N, C-alpha and C. Protein backbone atom coordinates (compact mmCIF):
# COMPACT_ATOMS: atom_id res chain seq x y z
N UNK A 1 2.86 14.71 -2.89
CA UNK A 1 2.70 13.48 -1.64
C UNK A 1 2.35 14.88 -0.58
N UNK A 2 1.47 14.28 0.21
CA UNK A 2 0.70 15.20 1.38
C UNK A 2 2.19 15.17 2.44
N UNK A 3 1.96 16.56 3.04
CA UNK A 3 3.04 16.69 3.88
C UNK A 3 2.96 15.78 5.38
N UNK A 4 1.71 15.43 5.74
CA UNK A 4 1.10 14.60 6.53
C UNK A 4 1.91 13.06 6.25
N UNK A 5 1.77 12.71 4.91
CA UNK A 5 2.19 11.56 4.65
C UNK A 5 3.85 11.39 4.74
N UNK A 6 4.38 12.71 4.49
CA UNK A 6 5.85 12.62 4.60
C UNK A 6 6.42 12.53 5.90
N UNK A 7 5.62 13.24 6.79
CA UNK A 7 5.86 13.45 8.07
C UNK A 7 5.82 12.04 8.66
N UNK A 8 4.66 11.13 8.30
CA UNK A 8 4.43 9.88 8.55
C UNK A 8 5.44 8.91 8.43
N UNK A 9 5.99 9.05 7.45
CA UNK A 9 6.96 8.33 6.84
C UNK A 9 8.43 8.43 7.68
N UNK A 10 9.02 9.34 8.32
CA UNK A 10 9.79 9.81 9.15
C UNK A 10 9.57 9.19 10.20
N UNK A 11 8.27 9.60 10.68
CA UNK A 11 7.84 9.30 12.31
C UNK A 11 8.46 7.69 12.49
N UNK A 12 7.94 6.81 11.17
CA UNK A 12 8.09 5.24 11.14
C UNK A 12 9.37 5.11 11.05
N UNK A 13 10.54 5.98 10.30
CA UNK A 13 11.87 5.50 10.32
C UNK A 13 12.41 5.67 11.67
N UNK A 14 11.86 6.79 12.54
CA UNK A 14 12.24 7.13 13.70
C UNK A 14 12.00 6.10 14.81
N UNK A 15 10.68 5.18 14.46
CA UNK A 15 10.33 4.17 15.39
C UNK A 15 11.52 3.00 14.87
N UNK A 16 11.65 2.81 13.65
CA UNK A 16 12.50 1.67 13.44
C UNK A 16 13.91 1.81 14.00
N UNK A 17 14.40 3.12 14.00
CA UNK A 17 15.95 3.26 14.48
C UNK A 17 15.74 2.97 15.87
N UNK A 18 14.70 3.61 16.60
CA UNK A 18 14.84 3.46 18.26
C UNK A 18 14.69 2.05 18.51
N UNK A 19 14.15 1.15 17.55
CA UNK A 19 14.06 -0.31 18.31
C UNK A 19 15.17 -1.12 17.69
N UNK A 20 15.91 -0.33 17.03
CA UNK A 20 17.23 -0.99 16.32
C UNK A 20 16.89 -2.12 15.15
N UNK A 21 15.61 -1.48 14.21
CA UNK A 21 15.18 -2.44 13.13
C UNK A 21 15.53 -1.88 12.03
N UNK A 22 15.92 -0.49 12.03
CA UNK A 22 16.51 0.30 10.98
C UNK A 22 17.46 -0.43 9.94
N UNK A 23 18.52 -0.85 10.66
CA UNK A 23 19.73 -1.43 10.07
C UNK A 23 19.57 -2.66 9.67
N UNK A 24 18.20 -3.37 9.63
CA UNK A 24 17.92 -4.87 9.17
C UNK A 24 17.23 -4.58 7.90
N UNK A 25 16.78 -3.57 7.54
CA UNK A 25 15.75 -3.47 6.36
C UNK A 25 16.12 -2.62 5.45
N UNK A 26 15.61 -2.72 4.25
CA UNK A 26 15.77 -2.08 2.93
C UNK A 26 14.51 -1.54 2.61
N UNK A 27 14.52 -0.01 2.17
CA UNK A 27 13.60 0.67 1.66
C UNK A 27 13.41 0.41 0.32
N UNK A 28 12.29 -0.49 -0.31
CA UNK A 28 12.27 -0.78 -1.38
C UNK A 28 10.79 -0.11 -1.96
N UNK A 29 10.40 -0.55 -3.31
CA UNK A 29 9.01 0.00 -3.86
C UNK A 29 9.37 1.61 -4.21
N UNK A 30 8.13 2.21 -4.38
CA UNK A 30 8.19 3.25 -4.97
C UNK A 30 8.69 4.41 -3.76
N UNK A 31 8.83 3.99 -2.52
CA UNK A 31 9.62 5.00 -1.49
C UNK A 31 10.77 5.09 -1.66
N UNK A 32 11.17 3.81 -2.17
CA UNK A 32 12.88 4.18 -2.61
C UNK A 32 13.14 5.38 -3.51
N UNK A 33 12.45 5.46 -4.49
CA UNK A 33 12.51 6.79 -5.41
C UNK A 33 12.39 8.07 -4.57
N UNK A 34 11.76 8.13 -3.33
CA UNK A 34 11.79 9.44 -2.66
C UNK A 34 13.08 9.91 -2.14
N UNK A 35 13.96 8.59 -1.98
CA UNK A 35 15.16 8.76 -1.43
C UNK A 35 16.43 8.98 -2.31
N UNK A 36 15.97 8.62 -3.72
CA UNK A 36 16.94 8.74 -4.80
C UNK A 36 17.49 10.21 -5.05
N UNK A 37 16.75 11.15 -5.00
CA UNK A 37 17.53 12.40 -5.66
C UNK A 37 18.88 12.71 -5.18
N UNK A 38 19.43 12.85 -4.04
CA UNK A 38 20.61 13.12 -3.76
C UNK A 38 21.58 12.00 -4.62
N UNK A 39 21.18 11.13 -5.10
CA UNK A 39 22.12 10.26 -5.49
C UNK A 39 22.29 10.78 -7.07
N UNK A 40 21.62 11.69 -7.42
CA UNK A 40 21.62 12.15 -8.97
C UNK A 40 22.17 13.52 -8.93
N UNK A 41 23.03 13.94 -9.94
CA UNK A 41 23.37 15.29 -10.05
C UNK A 41 22.47 15.98 -11.19
N UNK A 42 21.48 15.41 -11.12
CA UNK A 42 20.39 16.18 -12.15
C UNK A 42 18.96 16.70 -11.36
N UNK A 43 18.20 17.05 -12.12
CA UNK A 43 16.77 17.24 -11.19
C UNK A 43 15.82 16.32 -11.24
N UNK A 44 16.16 15.14 -10.81
CA UNK A 44 15.29 14.29 -10.63
C UNK A 44 14.54 14.14 -9.38
N UNK A 45 12.98 14.08 -9.84
CA UNK A 45 12.13 14.31 -8.54
C UNK A 45 11.06 13.35 -8.77
N UNK A 46 10.88 12.53 -7.56
CA UNK A 46 10.02 11.13 -7.69
C UNK A 46 8.64 11.88 -7.83
N UNK A 47 7.72 10.93 -8.28
CA UNK A 47 6.30 11.27 -8.51
C UNK A 47 5.76 10.17 -7.82
N UNK A 48 5.73 10.50 -6.51
CA UNK A 48 5.28 9.57 -5.53
C UNK A 48 3.71 9.69 -5.31
N UNK A 49 3.11 8.66 -5.65
CA UNK A 49 1.56 8.59 -5.41
C UNK A 49 1.03 7.17 -4.98
N UNK A 50 1.72 6.77 -3.80
CA UNK A 50 1.18 5.55 -3.10
C UNK A 50 1.45 5.57 -1.53
N UNK A 51 0.68 5.03 -0.74
CA UNK A 51 0.73 5.09 0.63
C UNK A 51 1.53 3.65 0.98
N UNK A 52 1.82 2.85 -0.04
CA UNK A 52 2.51 1.54 0.33
C UNK A 52 3.70 1.87 0.68
N UNK A 53 4.30 1.07 1.70
CA UNK A 53 6.05 1.49 1.95
C UNK A 53 6.35 -0.01 2.05
N UNK A 54 6.96 -0.61 1.50
CA UNK A 54 7.75 -1.90 1.38
C UNK A 54 9.02 -1.62 2.19
N UNK A 55 9.57 -2.72 3.13
CA UNK A 55 10.59 -2.90 3.88
C UNK A 55 11.00 -4.29 3.32
N UNK A 56 12.38 -4.77 2.88
CA UNK A 56 12.82 -5.67 2.59
C UNK A 56 13.62 -6.21 3.90
N UNK A 57 13.32 -7.16 4.54
CA UNK A 57 13.96 -7.52 5.57
C UNK A 57 15.12 -8.45 5.21
N UNK A 58 16.52 -7.97 5.19
CA UNK A 58 17.41 -8.61 4.58
C UNK A 58 17.88 -10.07 5.05
N UNK A 59 17.49 -10.39 6.44
CA UNK A 59 18.24 -11.59 6.95
C UNK A 59 17.23 -12.07 8.33
N UNK A 60 16.55 -12.76 7.71
CA UNK A 60 15.43 -13.13 9.03
C UNK A 60 16.02 -14.03 10.00
N UNK A 61 17.38 -14.45 9.93
CA UNK A 61 18.06 -15.18 11.11
C UNK A 61 18.51 -14.09 12.12
N UNK A 62 18.35 -12.96 11.87
CA UNK A 62 19.12 -11.84 12.99
C UNK A 62 18.28 -10.86 12.73
N UNK A 63 18.40 -9.92 14.31
CA UNK A 63 18.98 -10.49 15.36
C UNK A 63 18.54 -11.58 16.18
N UNK A 64 19.35 -12.07 17.12
CA UNK A 64 18.53 -13.20 17.90
C UNK A 64 17.61 -12.83 18.89
N UNK A 65 17.70 -11.45 19.32
CA UNK A 65 16.70 -11.01 20.35
C UNK A 65 15.50 -10.51 19.63
N UNK A 66 14.41 -10.57 20.36
CA UNK A 66 13.41 -9.80 19.75
C UNK A 66 13.30 -8.28 19.50
N UNK A 67 12.65 -7.87 18.23
CA UNK A 67 12.41 -6.48 18.11
C UNK A 67 11.03 -6.17 18.15
N UNK A 68 10.66 -5.43 19.35
CA UNK A 68 9.12 -5.23 19.47
C UNK A 68 8.68 -4.20 18.87
N UNK A 69 8.52 -4.45 17.26
CA UNK A 69 8.24 -3.20 16.22
C UNK A 69 6.57 -2.99 16.31
N UNK A 70 5.95 -4.36 16.53
CA UNK A 70 4.56 -4.14 16.47
C UNK A 70 4.01 -3.20 17.61
N UNK A 71 4.35 -3.48 18.67
CA UNK A 71 3.85 -2.58 19.68
C UNK A 71 4.28 -1.11 19.55
N UNK A 72 5.65 -1.07 19.09
CA UNK A 72 6.00 0.45 18.74
C UNK A 72 5.31 1.10 17.74
N UNK A 73 4.81 0.58 16.57
CA UNK A 73 4.32 1.00 15.58
C UNK A 73 2.73 1.22 15.96
N UNK A 74 2.15 0.38 16.90
CA UNK A 74 0.76 0.65 17.62
C UNK A 74 0.90 2.27 18.32
N UNK A 75 2.09 2.39 19.36
CA UNK A 75 2.28 3.38 20.07
C UNK A 75 2.02 4.84 19.20
N UNK A 76 2.72 4.69 17.87
CA UNK A 76 2.53 6.01 17.02
C UNK A 76 1.33 5.95 15.94
N UNK A 77 0.09 5.01 16.52
CA UNK A 77 -0.89 5.13 15.60
C UNK A 77 -1.40 4.23 14.64
N UNK A 78 -0.18 3.18 14.51
CA UNK A 78 -0.73 2.05 13.17
C UNK A 78 -1.61 1.00 13.79
N UNK A 79 -2.50 0.62 12.91
CA UNK A 79 -3.25 -0.50 13.35
C UNK A 79 -2.68 -1.93 12.73
N UNK A 80 -2.56 -3.12 13.30
CA UNK A 80 -1.76 -4.07 12.96
C UNK A 80 -3.02 -4.99 12.47
N UNK A 81 -2.67 -5.58 11.34
CA UNK A 81 -3.67 -6.53 10.64
C UNK A 81 -2.93 -7.60 9.77
N UNK A 82 -3.52 -8.80 9.44
CA UNK A 82 -3.18 -9.81 8.55
C UNK A 82 -4.01 -9.90 7.32
N UNK A 83 -3.44 -9.75 6.45
CA UNK A 83 -4.29 -9.91 5.15
C UNK A 83 -3.80 -11.23 4.56
N UNK A 84 -4.75 -12.20 4.29
CA UNK A 84 -4.22 -13.52 3.65
C UNK A 84 -2.85 -14.10 4.35
N UNK A 85 -2.92 -13.79 5.52
CA UNK A 85 -1.84 -14.23 6.45
C UNK A 85 -0.40 -13.63 6.53
N UNK A 86 -0.53 -12.65 5.74
CA UNK A 86 0.49 -11.51 5.54
C UNK A 86 0.27 -10.35 6.45
N UNK A 87 1.41 -10.03 7.31
CA UNK A 87 1.29 -8.94 8.39
C UNK A 87 1.28 -7.71 7.82
N UNK A 88 0.46 -6.79 8.25
CA UNK A 88 0.45 -5.28 7.48
C UNK A 88 0.17 -4.14 8.41
N UNK A 89 0.77 -3.15 8.35
CA UNK A 89 0.44 -2.06 9.43
C UNK A 89 -0.03 -0.88 8.56
N UNK A 90 -1.40 -0.15 9.00
CA UNK A 90 -2.04 0.85 8.58
C UNK A 90 -2.26 2.02 9.60
N UNK A 91 -1.72 3.09 9.03
CA UNK A 91 -1.64 4.60 9.72
C UNK A 91 -2.77 5.39 9.00
N UNK A 92 -4.02 5.50 9.45
CA UNK A 92 -4.92 6.51 9.00
C UNK A 92 -5.05 6.23 7.32
N UNK A 93 -5.35 7.24 6.66
CA UNK A 93 -5.14 6.94 5.14
C UNK A 93 -3.81 7.56 4.65
N UNK A 94 -2.60 7.50 5.60
CA UNK A 94 -1.30 7.77 5.15
C UNK A 94 -0.61 6.84 4.60
N UNK A 95 -0.58 6.00 5.38
CA UNK A 95 0.53 4.91 5.14
C UNK A 95 0.10 3.52 5.20
N UNK A 96 0.86 2.38 4.50
CA UNK A 96 0.59 1.20 4.64
C UNK A 96 2.06 0.43 4.57
N UNK A 97 2.28 -0.32 5.80
CA UNK A 97 3.61 -0.87 5.55
C UNK A 97 3.55 -2.45 5.63
N UNK A 98 4.43 -3.00 4.82
CA UNK A 98 4.30 -4.46 4.47
C UNK A 98 5.93 -4.90 4.62
N UNK A 99 6.19 -6.02 5.27
CA UNK A 99 7.65 -6.67 5.22
C UNK A 99 8.07 -7.60 4.15
N UNK A 100 8.71 -7.55 3.41
CA UNK A 100 9.34 -8.73 2.41
C UNK A 100 10.38 -9.17 2.96
N UNK A 101 10.55 -10.50 2.35
CA UNK A 101 11.76 -11.17 2.51
C UNK A 101 12.08 -12.13 1.22
N UNK A 102 13.43 -12.46 1.11
CA UNK A 102 13.98 -13.12 -0.43
C UNK A 102 13.77 -14.19 -0.13
N UNK A 103 13.69 -14.93 -1.25
CA UNK A 103 13.79 -16.74 -1.66
C UNK A 103 15.05 -16.85 -2.04
N UNK A 104 15.53 -17.98 -1.35
CA UNK A 104 16.67 -18.47 -1.72
C UNK A 104 16.87 -19.75 -2.31
N UNK A 105 17.87 -20.29 -3.13
CA UNK A 105 17.68 -21.74 -3.34
C UNK A 105 16.92 -22.18 -4.45
N UNK A 106 16.06 -23.34 -4.10
CA UNK A 106 15.02 -23.82 -4.84
C UNK A 106 13.65 -23.53 -4.49
N UNK A 107 13.69 -22.51 -3.38
CA UNK A 107 12.47 -22.18 -2.58
C UNK A 107 11.47 -21.47 -3.50
N UNK A 108 10.27 -21.20 -3.32
CA UNK A 108 9.14 -20.65 -3.91
C UNK A 108 8.61 -19.28 -3.11
N UNK A 109 7.95 -18.57 -3.86
CA UNK A 109 7.56 -17.38 -3.49
C UNK A 109 6.21 -18.09 -2.11
N UNK A 110 6.32 -17.46 -1.16
CA UNK A 110 5.24 -17.57 -0.06
C UNK A 110 5.22 -16.81 1.34
N UNK A 111 4.67 -17.41 2.16
CA UNK A 111 4.63 -16.62 3.29
C UNK A 111 6.14 -17.13 4.23
N UNK A 112 6.72 -16.04 4.99
CA UNK A 112 7.82 -16.47 5.43
C UNK A 112 7.70 -15.70 7.33
N UNK A 113 7.88 -16.50 8.10
CA UNK A 113 7.96 -15.75 9.45
C UNK A 113 9.44 -15.29 9.80
N UNK A 114 9.01 -14.10 10.12
CA UNK A 114 10.32 -13.09 10.67
C UNK A 114 10.21 -13.23 11.92
N UNK A 115 11.01 -14.18 12.69
CA UNK A 115 11.16 -14.80 14.26
C UNK A 115 11.30 -13.34 14.91
N UNK A 116 12.46 -12.49 14.74
CA UNK A 116 12.80 -11.32 15.51
C UNK A 116 11.51 -10.48 15.82
N UNK A 117 10.83 -10.42 14.74
CA UNK A 117 9.67 -9.26 14.62
C UNK A 117 8.26 -9.76 15.34
N UNK A 118 8.12 -11.24 15.00
CA UNK A 118 7.05 -11.90 15.55
C UNK A 118 6.01 -11.78 14.36
N UNK A 119 6.36 -11.40 12.93
CA UNK A 119 5.09 -11.25 12.10
C UNK A 119 5.45 -12.19 10.85
N UNK A 120 4.58 -12.39 9.86
CA UNK A 120 4.59 -13.02 8.75
C UNK A 120 4.98 -12.18 7.75
N UNK A 121 5.97 -12.49 6.93
CA UNK A 121 6.39 -11.44 5.81
C UNK A 121 6.10 -12.22 4.24
N UNK A 122 5.82 -11.60 3.26
CA UNK A 122 5.80 -12.52 2.03
C UNK A 122 7.42 -12.49 1.31
N UNK A 123 7.48 -13.71 1.06
CA UNK A 123 8.68 -14.20 0.41
C UNK A 123 8.69 -13.96 -1.08
N UNK A 124 9.58 -13.16 -1.71
CA UNK A 124 9.78 -13.06 -3.03
C UNK A 124 10.77 -13.08 -3.64
N UNK A 125 11.02 -13.87 -4.66
CA UNK A 125 12.46 -14.30 -5.32
C UNK A 125 12.80 -12.74 -6.28
N UNK A 126 11.67 -12.06 -6.60
CA UNK A 126 11.72 -11.17 -7.56
C UNK A 126 12.57 -10.05 -6.74
N UNK A 127 12.87 -9.80 -5.36
CA UNK A 127 13.60 -8.79 -4.54
C UNK A 127 15.11 -9.17 -4.73
N UNK A 128 15.34 -10.47 -4.80
CA UNK A 128 16.80 -10.89 -4.57
C UNK A 128 17.94 -9.84 -5.32
N UNK A 129 17.55 -9.31 -6.63
CA UNK A 129 18.39 -8.56 -7.34
C UNK A 129 18.62 -7.07 -6.59
N UNK A 130 17.70 -6.49 -5.71
CA UNK A 130 17.70 -5.47 -4.89
C UNK A 130 18.80 -5.83 -3.99
N UNK A 131 18.50 -6.95 -3.27
CA UNK A 131 19.60 -7.46 -2.01
C UNK A 131 21.07 -7.45 -2.53
N UNK A 132 21.10 -7.61 -3.61
CA UNK A 132 22.60 -7.89 -4.32
C UNK A 132 23.14 -6.56 -4.76
N UNK A 133 22.30 -5.52 -4.67
CA UNK A 133 22.91 -4.27 -5.18
C UNK A 133 22.28 -3.03 -4.00
N UNK A 134 22.70 -3.40 -2.86
CA UNK A 134 22.12 -2.62 -1.56
C UNK A 134 23.08 -1.29 -1.39
N UNK A 135 22.75 -0.18 -1.04
CA UNK A 135 23.31 1.16 -0.82
C UNK A 135 23.07 1.87 0.18
N UNK A 136 24.08 1.90 1.06
CA UNK A 136 23.48 3.06 2.31
C UNK A 136 23.91 4.61 2.09
N UNK A 137 22.75 5.15 2.70
CA UNK A 137 22.75 6.72 2.38
C UNK A 137 22.73 7.62 3.71
N UNK A 138 23.08 8.57 3.61
CA UNK A 138 22.81 9.49 4.86
C UNK A 138 21.70 10.34 4.56
N UNK A 139 20.71 10.46 5.30
CA UNK A 139 19.74 11.30 5.13
C UNK A 139 19.35 12.31 6.00
N UNK A 140 18.61 13.39 5.87
CA UNK A 140 18.02 14.11 7.04
C UNK A 140 16.48 14.10 6.81
N UNK A 141 15.88 13.86 8.04
CA UNK A 141 14.24 13.79 8.07
C UNK A 141 13.50 15.39 8.06
N UNK A 142 12.33 15.28 8.07
CA UNK A 142 11.86 16.72 7.87
C UNK A 142 11.97 17.37 8.98
N UNK A 143 12.14 16.57 10.13
CA UNK A 143 12.55 17.40 11.64
C UNK A 143 14.13 17.55 11.88
N UNK A 144 14.62 17.34 10.99
CA UNK A 144 16.31 17.56 11.04
C UNK A 144 16.86 16.28 11.65
N UNK A 145 16.41 15.20 12.10
CA UNK A 145 17.13 14.21 12.51
C UNK A 145 17.91 13.38 11.30
N UNK A 146 18.80 12.80 11.52
CA UNK A 146 19.66 12.41 10.49
C UNK A 146 19.52 10.91 10.68
N UNK A 147 19.58 10.19 9.68
CA UNK A 147 19.40 8.49 9.56
C UNK A 147 20.41 8.12 8.61
N UNK A 148 20.83 6.75 8.86
CA UNK A 148 21.66 5.91 7.88
C UNK A 148 20.43 4.85 7.23
N UNK A 149 19.97 5.15 6.01
CA UNK A 149 19.09 4.02 5.29
C UNK A 149 19.67 3.29 4.34
N UNK A 150 18.99 2.13 4.38
CA UNK A 150 19.64 1.23 3.30
C UNK A 150 18.48 1.23 2.10
N UNK A 151 18.83 1.28 0.89
CA UNK A 151 18.38 1.64 -0.36
C UNK A 151 18.90 0.71 -1.36
N UNK A 152 18.23 0.24 -2.43
CA UNK A 152 18.65 -0.41 -3.76
C UNK A 152 19.39 0.82 -4.74
N UNK A 153 20.24 0.41 -5.13
CA UNK A 153 20.89 1.25 -6.38
C UNK A 153 20.01 1.67 -7.40
N UNK A 154 19.71 2.59 -7.58
CA UNK A 154 18.81 3.09 -8.64
C UNK A 154 18.74 1.95 -9.94
N UNK A 155 19.90 1.54 -10.31
CA UNK A 155 20.12 0.74 -11.60
C UNK A 155 19.51 -0.58 -11.30
N UNK A 156 19.51 -1.22 -9.98
CA UNK A 156 19.14 -2.36 -9.73
C UNK A 156 17.38 -2.49 -9.58
N UNK A 157 16.96 -1.20 -8.85
CA UNK A 157 15.64 -0.80 -8.81
C UNK A 157 14.93 -0.83 -10.36
N UNK A 158 15.40 -0.31 -11.05
CA UNK A 158 15.09 -0.05 -12.44
C UNK A 158 14.76 -1.46 -13.23
N UNK A 159 16.05 -2.42 -13.17
CA UNK A 159 15.97 -3.54 -13.59
C UNK A 159 15.04 -4.49 -12.99
N UNK A 160 14.70 -4.49 -11.70
CA UNK A 160 13.80 -5.07 -11.08
C UNK A 160 12.40 -4.69 -11.39
N UNK A 161 12.21 -3.85 -11.70
CA UNK A 161 10.87 -3.15 -12.07
C UNK A 161 10.34 -3.52 -13.38
N UNK A 162 11.37 -3.53 -14.32
CA UNK A 162 11.24 -4.25 -15.89
C UNK A 162 11.10 -5.70 -15.66
N UNK A 163 11.76 -6.25 -14.81
CA UNK A 163 11.41 -7.81 -14.79
C UNK A 163 10.18 -8.30 -14.15
N UNK A 164 9.52 -7.28 -13.22
CA UNK A 164 8.24 -7.73 -12.58
C UNK A 164 7.07 -7.25 -13.28
N UNK A 165 7.24 -6.42 -14.47
CA UNK A 165 6.28 -5.79 -15.12
C UNK A 165 5.12 -6.42 -15.65
N UNK A 166 5.57 -7.55 -16.34
CA UNK A 166 4.86 -8.71 -16.97
C UNK A 166 3.65 -9.21 -15.90
N UNK A 167 4.14 -9.42 -14.50
CA UNK A 167 3.27 -10.17 -13.94
C UNK A 167 2.58 -9.10 -12.65
N UNK A 168 3.14 -7.75 -12.77
CA UNK A 168 2.69 -6.80 -12.02
C UNK A 168 1.05 -6.97 -11.53
N UNK A 169 0.41 -6.82 -10.54
CA UNK A 169 -0.83 -7.06 -9.85
C UNK A 169 -0.92 -5.88 -9.01
N UNK A 170 -2.17 -4.90 -9.24
CA UNK A 170 -3.13 -5.05 -10.23
C UNK A 170 -2.32 -4.34 -11.42
N UNK A 171 -2.99 -4.90 -12.68
CA UNK A 171 -2.52 -4.65 -13.92
C UNK A 171 -2.13 -3.06 -14.16
N UNK A 172 -3.22 -2.37 -13.58
CA UNK A 172 -3.04 -0.77 -13.77
C UNK A 172 -1.67 -0.27 -13.26
N UNK A 173 -1.00 -0.85 -12.46
CA UNK A 173 0.39 -0.31 -11.93
C UNK A 173 1.45 -0.75 -13.07
N UNK A 174 1.09 -1.58 -13.87
CA UNK A 174 1.93 -1.65 -14.85
C UNK A 174 2.49 -0.24 -15.60
N UNK A 175 1.95 0.43 -16.07
CA UNK A 175 1.98 1.62 -16.91
C UNK A 175 2.71 2.59 -15.97
N UNK A 176 1.99 2.48 -14.87
CA UNK A 176 2.64 3.41 -13.78
C UNK A 176 4.27 3.04 -13.70
N UNK A 177 4.58 2.00 -13.45
CA UNK A 177 5.88 1.33 -13.23
C UNK A 177 6.72 1.90 -14.64
N UNK A 178 6.12 1.65 -15.78
CA UNK A 178 6.89 2.02 -16.72
C UNK A 178 7.52 3.41 -16.79
N UNK A 179 6.44 4.27 -16.61
CA UNK A 179 6.94 5.85 -16.38
C UNK A 179 7.92 6.01 -15.52
N UNK A 180 7.81 5.19 -14.27
CA UNK A 180 8.91 5.61 -13.35
C UNK A 180 9.87 5.26 -13.98
N UNK A 181 10.14 3.70 -14.57
CA UNK A 181 11.47 3.37 -15.38
C UNK A 181 12.15 4.24 -16.16
N UNK A 182 11.20 4.89 -17.15
CA UNK A 182 11.78 5.82 -18.23
C UNK A 182 12.31 7.08 -17.51
N UNK A 183 11.73 7.56 -16.48
CA UNK A 183 12.02 8.66 -15.98
C UNK A 183 13.65 8.66 -15.18
N UNK A 184 13.48 7.26 -14.46
CA UNK A 184 14.91 7.06 -14.01
C UNK A 184 16.08 6.69 -14.89
N UNK A 185 15.66 6.19 -15.82
CA UNK A 185 16.66 5.58 -16.90
C UNK A 185 17.29 6.96 -17.52
N UNK A 186 16.63 8.15 -17.80
CA UNK A 186 16.79 9.34 -18.19
C UNK A 186 17.74 9.84 -17.49
N UNK A 187 17.89 9.91 -15.93
CA UNK A 187 18.91 10.19 -15.16
C UNK A 187 20.12 9.53 -15.00
N UNK A 188 20.08 8.35 -14.95
CA UNK A 188 20.81 7.14 -15.02
C UNK A 188 21.75 7.58 -16.21
N UNK A 189 21.26 7.64 -17.38
CA UNK A 189 21.85 8.04 -18.79
C UNK A 189 23.01 9.11 -18.52
N UNK A 190 22.56 10.08 -17.66
CA UNK A 190 23.31 11.31 -17.59
C UNK A 190 24.58 11.14 -16.48
N UNK A 191 24.44 9.97 -16.06
CA UNK A 191 25.72 9.98 -14.78
C UNK A 191 26.75 8.65 -15.28
N UNK A 192 27.76 8.95 -15.40
CA UNK A 192 28.84 7.83 -15.69
C UNK A 192 28.86 6.81 -14.42
N UNK A 193 28.56 7.10 -13.40
CA UNK A 193 28.63 6.30 -12.47
C UNK A 193 27.25 5.30 -12.38
N UNK A 194 26.53 5.89 -12.44
CA UNK A 194 25.06 5.00 -12.79
C UNK A 194 25.08 4.16 -13.98
N UNK A 195 25.49 4.86 -14.85
CA UNK A 195 25.78 3.97 -16.24
C UNK A 195 26.58 2.88 -16.15
N UNK A 196 27.64 2.92 -15.34
CA UNK A 196 28.62 1.64 -15.02
C UNK A 196 27.92 0.77 -13.92
N UNK A 197 27.13 1.44 -13.06
CA UNK A 197 26.34 0.23 -12.14
C UNK A 197 25.23 -0.56 -12.83
N UNK A 198 24.69 0.35 -13.89
CA UNK A 198 23.53 -0.34 -14.68
C UNK A 198 24.02 -1.62 -15.46
N UNK A 199 25.52 -1.22 -15.81
CA UNK A 199 26.29 -2.42 -16.53
C UNK A 199 26.43 -3.82 -15.98
N UNK A 200 26.92 -3.47 -14.59
CA UNK A 200 27.11 -4.35 -13.64
C UNK A 200 26.16 -5.25 -13.17
N UNK A 201 24.82 -4.45 -12.89
CA UNK A 201 23.77 -5.13 -12.83
C UNK A 201 23.20 -6.00 -13.58
N UNK A 202 23.12 -5.77 -15.00
CA UNK A 202 22.73 -6.25 -16.03
C UNK A 202 23.65 -7.59 -16.63
N UNK A 203 24.74 -7.34 -16.14
CA UNK A 203 25.98 -8.54 -16.64
C UNK A 203 25.35 -9.92 -15.49
N UNK A 204 24.76 -9.44 -14.48
CA UNK A 204 24.23 -10.69 -13.37
C UNK A 204 23.09 -11.25 -13.79
N UNK A 205 22.43 -10.81 -14.83
CA UNK A 205 21.00 -11.36 -15.44
C UNK A 205 21.09 -12.77 -15.87
N UNK A 206 20.14 -13.43 -15.88
CA UNK A 206 19.96 -14.86 -16.40
C UNK A 206 19.82 -14.63 -17.77
N UNK A 207 19.79 -15.92 -18.59
CA UNK A 207 19.34 -15.70 -19.89
C UNK A 207 17.60 -15.73 -20.03
N UNK A 208 16.97 -16.05 -18.94
CA UNK A 208 15.39 -16.08 -18.90
C UNK A 208 14.98 -14.53 -18.67
N UNK A 209 16.00 -14.04 -17.47
CA UNK A 209 15.61 -12.48 -17.19
C UNK A 209 15.98 -11.59 -18.37
N UNK A 210 16.91 -11.91 -19.19
CA UNK A 210 17.27 -11.06 -20.40
C UNK A 210 16.34 -11.20 -21.35
N UNK A 211 15.74 -12.35 -21.59
CA UNK A 211 14.51 -12.38 -22.50
C UNK A 211 13.43 -11.61 -22.02
N UNK A 212 13.09 -11.78 -20.59
CA UNK A 212 11.88 -10.70 -20.13
C UNK A 212 12.16 -9.24 -20.35
N UNK A 213 13.79 -8.90 -20.07
CA UNK A 213 13.94 -7.38 -19.97
C UNK A 213 13.67 -6.93 -21.67
N UNK A 214 14.13 -7.59 -22.65
CA UNK A 214 14.12 -7.55 -24.07
C UNK A 214 12.69 -7.31 -24.35
N UNK A 215 11.63 -8.22 -23.83
CA UNK A 215 10.43 -8.25 -24.20
C UNK A 215 9.58 -6.94 -23.85
N UNK A 216 9.91 -6.68 -22.61
CA UNK A 216 9.33 -5.53 -21.99
C UNK A 216 9.81 -4.02 -22.52
N UNK A 217 11.02 -4.11 -22.68
CA UNK A 217 11.65 -3.00 -23.72
C UNK A 217 10.98 -2.72 -24.75
N UNK A 218 10.85 -3.77 -25.74
CA UNK A 218 10.52 -3.64 -26.99
C UNK A 218 9.06 -3.19 -26.91
N UNK A 219 8.21 -3.83 -25.95
CA UNK A 219 6.67 -3.55 -26.06
C UNK A 219 6.39 -1.90 -25.38
N UNK A 220 7.34 -1.51 -24.82
CA UNK A 220 7.27 -0.01 -24.08
C UNK A 220 8.16 0.86 -24.52
N UNK A 221 8.94 0.52 -25.67
CA UNK A 221 9.78 1.70 -26.27
C UNK A 221 10.64 2.23 -25.50
N UNK A 222 11.28 1.09 -24.58
CA UNK A 222 12.63 1.75 -23.32
C UNK A 222 13.75 1.20 -24.07
N UNK A 223 14.67 2.40 -23.93
CA UNK A 223 16.13 2.21 -24.32
C UNK A 223 17.06 2.44 -23.23
N UNK A 224 17.69 1.14 -23.04
CA UNK A 224 18.40 0.92 -21.84
C UNK A 224 20.02 1.51 -22.21
N UNK A 225 20.63 2.21 -21.17
CA UNK A 225 21.99 2.67 -21.20
C UNK A 225 22.93 1.73 -22.13
């Protein structure tokens, strides 16, 4: 990861914190791996090679007041755009931000309006498991500022990666995700805490999800804890 990219990430976190948005989002996707190392007592190091930063907006009904994150991000160099009706933010060749929301009940994946932000997100059922296993961490930015961030449990992150692998687009990202899954499983296996958490996540899976897990693991020689 380039130093400029890392600094841009923390500048973004600062903007979220200053607007009051930070406590409403979970950092998911590959950038969650960037924040995982302190959770392991091993030498885990993320192999981060993406500028896409995904933020899961946890409850679209709160807060009641507007959070003017669009203007705030523009003030620090982001360009706002909509791709297929979904709001995205671009900062040079460093970062691309997108907000995602969960799908509940009988709803289907699609566009969801986040009223407090005044933007349109993509609603995905696949991220529900991340919401169910959220974890708060205290972390320090490159400039020494301290933040409380919400990320998924590594075990939930791994399970979600496996579940979504068969439908992952573009297809070339599927192999990359499998590499990340195997690396994380190696470090999860070394921790009693994380192995226990993995078992908790696994027990929540439906019969359909278990079938997908077994298929992906068999096809990619993945051994679960």
